[in-house]
Amino acid sequence: MFKNILKGIIIGIAKIVPGVSGSMIAISFGVYKPTLETISNLKKLTFNKIKFLISLFL
């Protein structure tokens, strides 16, 4: 969980820095696809998926 919080912080910093895309950082960390899949299936949320989203968005 701490890793996801740290990844979210780094992605947030990357969105502020000019010339760096937050999406590219998310892809390189391997959280882009799981995040999109979780958001697209909001009706099928489990506790682990909710915990993943919260830790990433913090």
C-alpha atoms as a PDB file:
ATOM      1  CA  MET A   1       0.000   0.000   0.000  1.00  0.00           C
ATOM      2  CA  PHE A   2       2.877   2.358   0.791  1.00  0.00           C
ATOM      3  CA  LYS A   3       4.311   1.712  -2.680  1.00  0.00           C
ATOM      4  CA  ASN A   4       1.049   2.811  -4.300  1.00  0.00           C
ATOM      5  CA  ILE A   5       0.944   5.982  -2.205  1.00  0.00           C
ATOM      6  CA  LEU A   6       4.515   6.753  -3.238  1.00  0.00           C
ATOM      7  CA  LYS A   7       3.699   6.054  -6.900  1.00  0.00           C
ATOM      8  CA  GLY A   8       0.689   8.368  -6.671  1.00  0.00           C
ATOM      9  CA  ILE A   9       2.837  11.142  -5.225  1.00  0.00           C
ATOM     10  CA  ILE A  10       5.395  10.749  -8.010  1.00  0.00           C
ATOM     11  CA  ILE A  11       2.659  10.757 -10.676  1.00  0.00           C
ATOM     12  CA  GLY A  12       1.210  13.931  -9.137  1.00  0.00           C
ATOM     13  CA  ILE A  13       4.611  15.613  -9.189  1.00  0.00           C
ATOM     14  CA  ALA A  14       5.097  14.525 -12.815  1.00  0.00           C
ATOM     15  CA  LYS A  15       1.828  16.206 -13.780  1.00  0.00           C
ATOM     16  CA  ILE A  16       3.154  19.506 -12.408  1.00  0.00           C
ATOM     17  CA  VAL A  17       6.543  19.358 -14.167  1.00  0.00           C
ATOM     18  CA  PRO A  18       6.396  20.804 -17.692  1.00  0.00           C
ATOM     19  CA  GLY A  19       7.179  18.314 -20.440  1.00  0.00           C
ATOM     20  CA  VAL A  20       6.497  15.230 -18.334  1.00  0.00           C
ATOM     21  CA  SER A  21       3.253  13.323 -18.741  1.00  0.00           C
ATOM     22  CA  GLY A  22       1.643  11.791 -15.675  1.00  0.00           C
ATOM     23  CA  SER A  23       0.194   9.066 -17.877  1.00  0.00           C
ATOM     24  CA  MET A  24       3.629   8.013 -19.090  1.00  0.00           C
ATOM     25  CA  ILE A  25       4.865   7.804 -15.515  1.00  0.00           C
ATOM     26  CA  ALA A  26       1.811   5.717 -14.594  1.00  0.00           C
ATOM     27  CA  ILE A  27       2.480   3.383 -17.520  1.00  0.00           C
ATOM     28  CA  SER A  28       6.115   2.992 -16.513  1.00  0.00           C
ATOM     29  CA  PHE A  29       5.090   2.159 -12.931  1.00  0.00           C
ATOM     30  CA  GLY A  30       2.538  -0.357 -14.189  1.00  0.00           C
ATOM     31  CA  VAL A  31      -0.495   1.254 -12.551  1.00  0.00           C
ATOM     32  CA  TYR A  32      -2.166   2.773 -15.631  1.00  0.00           C
ATOM     33  CA  LYS A  33      -3.943  -0.341 -16.891  1.00  0.00           C
ATOM     34  CA  PRO A  34      -5.134  -1.591 -13.455  1.00  0.00           C
ATOM     35  CA  THR A  35      -6.411   1.894 -12.652  1.00  0.00           C
ATOM     36  CA  LEU A  36      -8.388   2.126 -15.885  1.00  0.00           C
ATOM     37  CA  GLU A  37      -9.801  -1.377 -15.432  1.00  0.00           C
ATOM     38  CA  THR A  38     -10.867  -0.606 -11.873  1.00  0.00           C
ATOM     39  CA  ILE A  39     -12.502   2.682 -12.811  1.00  0.00           C
ATOM     40  CA  SER A  40     -14.303   1.136 -15.788  1.00  0.00           C
ATOM     41  CA  ASN A  41     -15.829  -1.600 -13.598  1.00  0.00           C
ATOM     42  CA  LEU A  42     -17.175   0.506 -10.733  1.00  0.00           C
ATOM     43  CA  LYS A  43     -20.117  -1.863 -10.215  1.00  0.00           C
ATOM     44  CA  LYS A  44     -17.749  -4.741  -9.401  1.00  0.00           C
ATOM     45  CA  LEU A  45     -15.587  -3.003  -6.801  1.00  0.00           C
ATOM     46  CA  THR A  46     -14.042  -5.157  -4.116  1.00  0.00           C
ATOM     47  CA  PHE A  47     -12.265  -4.058  -0.985  1.00  0.00           C
ATOM     48  CA  ASN A  48      -8.830  -4.606  -2.555  1.00  0.00           C
ATOM     49  CA  LYS A  49      -9.716  -2.493  -5.596  1.00  0.00           C
ATOM     50  CA  ILE A  50     -11.074   0.305  -3.400  1.00  0.00           C
ATOM     51  CA  LYS A  51      -7.909   0.165  -1.284  1.00  0.00           C
ATOM     52  CA  PHE A  52      -5.799   0.325  -4.483  1.00  0.00           C
ATOM     53  CA  LEU A  53      -7.621   3.394  -5.774  1.00  0.00           C
ATOM     54  CA  ILE A  54      -7.512   5.228  -2.452  1.00  0.00           C
ATOM     55  CA  SER A  55      -3.805   4.565  -1.968  1.00  0.00           C
ATOM     56  CA  LEU A  56      -3.019   5.703  -5.499  1.00  0.00           C
ATOM     57  CA  PHE A  57      -5.121   8.882  -5.319  1.00  0.00           C
ATOM     58  CA  LEU A  58      -3.737   9.969  -1.955  1.00  0.00           C
END
